PDB file of N, CA and C in Angstrom:
ATOM      1  N   MET A   1       1.479 -38.911  34.502  1.00  0.00           N
ATOM      2  CA  MET A   1       1.170 -38.336  35.784  1.00  0.00           C
ATOM      3  C   MET A   1       2.058 -37.144  36.074  1.00  0.00           C
ATOM      4  N   THR A   2       3.274 -37.177  35.576  1.00  0.00           N
ATOM      5  CA  THR A   2       4.152 -36.030  35.816  1.00  0.00           C
ATOM      6  C   THR A   2       3.667 -34.804  35.055  1.00  0.00           C
ATOM      7  N   SER A   3       2.996 -35.022  33.928  1.00  0.00           N
ATOM      8  CA  SER A   3       2.526 -33.882  33.142  1.00  0.00           C
ATOM      9  C   SER A   3       1.437 -33.094  33.870  1.00  0.00           C
ATOM     10  N   ARG A   4       0.767 -33.719  34.824  1.00  0.00           N
ATOM     11  CA  ARG A   4      -0.255 -32.994  35.578  1.00  0.00           C
ATOM     12  C   ARG A   4       0.264 -32.518  36.929  1.00  0.00           C
ATOM     13  N   GLY A   5       1.567 -32.700  37.175  1.00  0.00           N
ATOM     14  CA  GLY A   5       2.180 -32.133  38.361  1.00  0.00           C
ATOM     15  C   GLY A   5       2.361 -33.070  39.535  1.00  0.00           C
ATOM     16  N   ASP A   6       2.094 -34.366  39.349  1.00  0.00           N
ATOM     17  CA  ASP A   6       2.288 -35.312  40.446  1.00  0.00           C
ATOM     18  C   ASP A   6       3.773 -35.500  40.727  1.00  0.00           C
ATOM     19  N   SER A   7       4.121 -35.581  42.005  1.00  0.00           N
ATOM     20  CA  SER A   7       5.515 -35.811  42.395  1.00  0.00           C
ATOM     21  C   SER A   7       5.879 -37.273  42.156  1.00  0.00           C
ATOM     22  N   GLU A   8       7.163 -37.549  42.132  1.00  0.00           N
ATOM     23  CA  GLU A   8       7.626 -38.924  41.942  1.00  0.00           C
ATOM     24  C   GLU A   8       7.121 -39.824  43.064  1.00  0.00           C
ATOM     25  N   GLU A   9       7.104 -39.301  44.288  1.00  0.00           N
ATOM     26  CA  GLU A   9       6.610 -40.078  45.429  1.00  0.00           C
ATOM     27  C   GLU A   9       5.121 -40.413  45.250  1.00  0.00           C
ATOM     28  N   MET A  10       4.353 -39.425  44.827  1.00  0.00           N
ATOM     29  CA  MET A  10       2.922 -39.639  44.630  1.00  0.00           C
ATOM     30  C   MET A  10       2.682 -40.684  43.525  1.00  0.00           C
ATOM     31  N   ILE A  11       3.437 -40.594  42.458  1.00  0.00           N
ATOM     32  CA  ILE A  11       3.318 -41.562  41.361  1.00  0.00           C
ATOM     33  C   ILE A  11       3.634 -42.961  41.856  1.00  0.00           C
ATOM     34  N   ASN A  12       4.720 -43.103  42.595  1.00  0.00           N
ATOM     35  CA  ASN A  12       5.089 -44.418  43.130  1.00  0.00           C
ATOM     36  C   ASN A  12       4.015 -44.963  44.059  1.00  0.00           C
ATOM     37  N   ASN A  13       3.439 -44.114  44.903  1.00  0.00           N
ATOM     38  CA  ASN A  13       2.360 -44.553  45.795  1.00  0.00           C
ATOM     39  C   ASN A  13       1.145 -45.028  45.004  1.00  0.00           C
ATOM     40  N   ARG A  14       0.794 -44.297  43.976  1.00  0.00           N
ATOM     41  CA  ARG A  14      -0.356 -44.672  43.157  1.00  0.00           C
ATOM     42  C   ARG A  14      -0.107 -45.988  42.436  1.00  0.00           C
ATOM     43  N   LEU A  15       1.096 -46.167  41.907  1.00  0.00           N
ATOM     44  CA  LEU A  15       1.424 -47.413  41.207  1.00  0.00           C
ATOM     45  C   LEU A  15       1.450 -48.601  42.168  1.00  0.00           C
ATOM     46  N   ASN A  16       1.954 -48.389  43.371  1.00  0.00           N
ATOM     47  CA  ASN A  16       1.949 -49.463  44.367  1.00  0.00           C
ATOM     48  C   ASN A  16       0.530 -49.834  44.772  1.00  0.00           C
ATOM     49  N   THR A  17      -0.323 -48.826  44.924  1.00  0.00           N
ATOM     50  CA  THR A  17      -1.728 -49.083  45.247  1.00  0.00           C
ATOM     51  C   THR A  17      -2.384 -49.868  44.117  1.00  0.00           C
ATOM     52  N   TYR A  18      -2.121 -49.467  42.890  1.00  0.00           N
ATOM     53  CA  TYR A  18      -2.668 -50.161  41.722  1.00  0.00           C
ATOM     54  C   TYR A  18      -2.238 -51.625  41.734  1.00  0.00           C
ATOM     55  N   ASP A  19      -0.962 -51.872  41.952  1.00  0.00           N
ATOM     56  CA  ASP A  19      -0.446 -53.251  41.963  1.00  0.00           C
ATOM     57  C   ASP A  19      -1.157 -54.088  43.023  1.00  0.00           C
ATOM     58  N   ALA A  20      -1.324 -53.532  44.211  1.00  0.00           N
ATOM     59  CA  ALA A  20      -1.994 -54.251  45.296  1.00  0.00           C
ATOM     60  C   ALA A  20      -3.455 -54.520  44.953  1.00  0.00           C
ATOM     61  N   GLU A  21      -4.114 -53.547  44.354  1.00  0.00           N
ATOM     62  CA  GLU A  21      -5.524 -53.725  43.990  1.00  0.00           C
ATOM     63  C   GLU A  21      -5.686 -54.786  42.902  1.00  0.00           C
ATOM     64  N   ILE A  22      -4.810 -54.784  41.938  1.00  0.00           N
ATOM     65  CA  ILE A  22      -4.887 -55.779  40.858  1.00  0.00           C
ATOM     66  C   ILE A  22      -4.667 -57.177  41.421  1.00  0.00           C
ATOM     67  N   LEU A  23      -3.723 -57.329  42.325  1.00  0.00           N
ATOM     68  CA  LEU A  23      -3.466 -58.644  42.916  1.00  0.00           C
ATOM     69  C   LEU A  23      -4.671 -59.162  43.695  1.00  0.00           C
ATOM     70  N   ASN A  24      -5.488 -58.262  44.219  1.00  0.00           N
ATOM     71  CA  ASN A  24      -6.638 -58.648  45.036  1.00  0.00           C
ATOM     72  C   ASN A  24      -7.973 -58.486  44.311  1.00  0.00           C
ATOM     73  N   MET A  25      -7.934 -58.276  43.007  1.00  0.00           N
ATOM     74  CA  MET A  25      -9.137 -58.000  42.244  1.00  0.00           C
ATOM     75  C   MET A  25     -10.199 -59.096  42.386  1.00  0.00           C
ATOM     76  N   ALA A  26      -9.794 -60.322  42.550  1.00  0.00           N
ATOM     77  CA  ALA A  26     -10.751 -61.431  42.670  1.00  0.00           C
ATOM     78  C   ALA A  26     -11.620 -61.302  43.921  1.00  0.00           C
ATOM     79  N   TYR A  27     -11.170 -60.519  44.895  1.00  0.00           N
ATOM     80  CA  TYR A  27     -11.907 -60.368  46.144  1.00  0.00           C
ATOM     81  C   TYR A  27     -12.924 -59.217  46.107  1.00  0.00           C
ATOM     82  N   TYR A  28     -12.930 -58.447  45.036  1.00  0.00           N
ATOM     83  CA  TYR A  28     -13.842 -57.306  44.926  1.00  0.00           C
ATOM     84  C   TYR A  28     -15.137 -57.725  44.255  1.00  0.00           C
ATOM     85  N   ASP A  29     -16.236 -57.126  44.665  1.00  0.00           N
ATOM     86  CA  ASP A  29     -17.520 -57.367  44.014  1.00  0.00           C
ATOM     87  C   ASP A  29     -17.587 -56.661  42.660  1.00  0.00           C
ATOM     88  N   GLU A  30     -17.004 -55.504  42.573  1.00  0.00           N
ATOM     89  CA  GLU A  30     -17.028 -54.699  41.348  1.00  0.00           C
ATOM     90  C   GLU A  30     -15.653 -54.074  41.145  1.00  0.00           C
ATOM     91  N   VAL A  31     -15.307 -53.866  39.889  1.00  0.00           N
ATOM     92  CA  VAL A  31     -14.077 -53.163  39.534  1.00  0.00           C
ATOM     93  C   VAL A  31     -14.458 -52.070  38.547  1.00  0.00           C
ATOM     94  N   VAL A  32     -14.122 -50.845  38.870  1.00  0.00           N
ATOM     95  CA  VAL A  32     -14.408 -49.719  37.994  1.00  0.00           C
ATOM     96  C   VAL A  32     -13.082 -49.092  37.591  1.00  0.00           C
ATOM     97  N   VAL A  33     -12.857 -49.025  36.291  1.00  0.00           N
ATOM     98  CA  VAL A  33     -11.635 -48.412  35.777  1.00  0.00           C
ATOM     99  C   VAL A  33     -11.919 -46.933  35.567  1.00  0.00           C
ATOM    100  N   ASN A  34     -11.145 -46.097  36.203  1.00  0.00           N
ATOM    101  CA  ASN A  34     -11.302 -44.646  36.116  1.00  0.00           C
ATOM    102  C   ASN A  34     -10.361 -44.130  35.030  1.00  0.00           C
ATOM    103  N   ARG A  35     -10.887 -44.041  33.809  1.00  0.00           N
ATOM    104  CA  ARG A  35     -10.064 -43.622  32.669  1.00  0.00           C
ATOM    105  C   ARG A  35     -10.038 -42.099  32.551  1.00  0.00           C
ATOM    106  N   GLN A  36      -8.904 -41.610  32.105  1.00  0.00           N
ATOM    107  CA  GLN A  36      -8.734 -40.166  31.950  1.00  0.00           C
ATOM    108  C   GLN A  36      -9.736 -39.626  30.926  1.00  0.00           C
ATOM    109  N   ASN A  37     -10.321 -38.487  31.226  1.00  0.00           N
ATOM    110  CA  ASN A  37     -11.283 -37.790  30.369  1.00  0.00           C
ATOM    111  C   ASN A  37     -12.586 -38.549  30.171  1.00  0.00           C
ATOM    112  N   GLU A  38     -12.911 -39.493  31.059  1.00  0.00           N
ATOM    113  CA  GLU A  38     -14.160 -40.239  30.963  1.00  0.00           C
ATOM    114  C   GLU A  38     -14.916 -40.218  32.296  1.00  0.00           C
ATOM    115  N   MET A  39     -14.850 -39.080  32.991  1.00  0.00           N
ATOM    116  CA  MET A  39     -15.435 -38.975  34.314  1.00  0.00           C
ATOM    117  C   MET A  39     -16.943 -39.241  34.301  1.00  0.00           C
ATOM    118  N   GLU A  40     -17.651 -38.708  33.312  1.00  0.00           N
ATOM    119  CA  GLU A  40     -19.105 -38.908  33.266  1.00  0.00           C
ATOM    120  C   GLU A  40     -19.454 -40.383  33.077  1.00  0.00           C
ATOM    121  N   ASP A  41     -18.707 -41.073  32.217  1.00  0.00           N
ATOM    122  CA  ASP A  41     -18.953 -42.507  32.010  1.00  0.00           C
ATOM    123  C   ASP A  41     -18.667 -43.296  33.285  1.00  0.00           C
ATOM    124  N   THR A  42     -17.583 -42.949  33.956  1.00  0.00           N
ATOM    125  CA  THR A  42     -17.222 -43.627  35.202  1.00  0.00           C
ATOM    126  C   THR A  42     -18.287 -43.384  36.268  1.00  0.00           C
ATOM    127  N   ALA A  43     -18.745 -42.158  36.380  1.00  0.00           N
ATOM    128  CA  ALA A  43     -19.793 -41.834  37.351  1.00  0.00           C
ATOM    129  C   ALA A  43     -21.060 -42.626  37.062  1.00  0.00           C
ATOM    130  N   GLN A  44     -21.410 -42.780  35.786  1.00  0.00           N
ATOM    131  CA  GLN A  44     -22.608 -43.535  35.436  1.00  0.00           C
ATOM    132  C   GLN A  44     -22.460 -45.008  35.785  1.00  0.00           C
ATOM    133  N   ILE A  45     -21.288 -45.559  35.572  1.00  0.00           N
ATOM    134  CA  ILE A  45     -21.034 -46.960  35.936  1.00  0.00           C
ATOM    135  C   ILE A  45     -21.233 -47.143  37.440  1.00  0.00           C
ATOM    136  N   ILE A  46     -20.697 -46.216  38.221  1.00  0.00           N
ATOM    137  CA  ILE A  46     -20.833 -46.316  39.679  1.00  0.00           C
ATOM    138  C   ILE A  46     -22.298 -46.176  40.087  1.00  0.00           C
ATOM    139  N   LYS A  47     -23.017 -45.241  39.490  1.00  0.00           N
ATOM    140  CA  LYS A  47     -24.452 -45.089  39.787  1.00  0.00           C
ATOM    141  C   LYS A  47     -25.207 -46.375  39.467  1.00  0.00           C
ATOM    142  N   ASP A  48     -24.892 -46.981  38.325  1.00  0.00           N
ATOM    143  CA  ASP A  48     -25.550 -48.229  37.945  1.00  0.00           C
ATOM    144  C   ASP A  48     -25.273 -49.345  38.951  1.00  0.00           C
ATOM    145  N   ILE A  49     -24.051 -49.421  39.438  1.00  0.00           N
ATOM    146  CA  ILE A  49     -23.690 -50.429  40.431  1.00  0.00           C
ATOM    147  C   ILE A  49     -24.490 -50.204  41.711  1.00  0.00           C
ATOM    148  N   LEU A  50     -24.587 -48.957  42.146  1.00  0.00           N
ATOM    149  CA  LEU A  50     -25.295 -48.637  43.384  1.00  0.00           C
ATOM    150  C   LEU A  50     -26.791 -48.892  43.281  1.00  0.00           C
ATOM    151  N   GLU A  51     -27.334 -48.820  42.090  1.00  0.00           N
ATOM    152  CA  GLU A  51     -28.768 -49.050  41.886  1.00  0.00           C
ATOM    153  C   GLU A  51     -29.126 -50.533  41.773  1.00  0.00           C
ATOM    154  N   GLU A  52     -28.133 -51.402  41.669  1.00  0.00           N
ATOM    155  CA  GLU A  52     -28.397 -52.831  41.536  1.00  0.00           C
ATOM    156  C   GLU A  52     -29.074 -53.384  42.755  1.00  0.00           C
TER     157      GLU A  52
END
């Protein structure tokens, strides 16, 4: 994250959000992993979920 210019505070906020989301994953209907350089695949997964 630092290689793309994120500040230390921003990185910590993102990691804290991730930790909270993982702890509550059982409460979500869907989980979509947003992987780097796979935006089109992620978008298609979301479209498929919305079409269900």
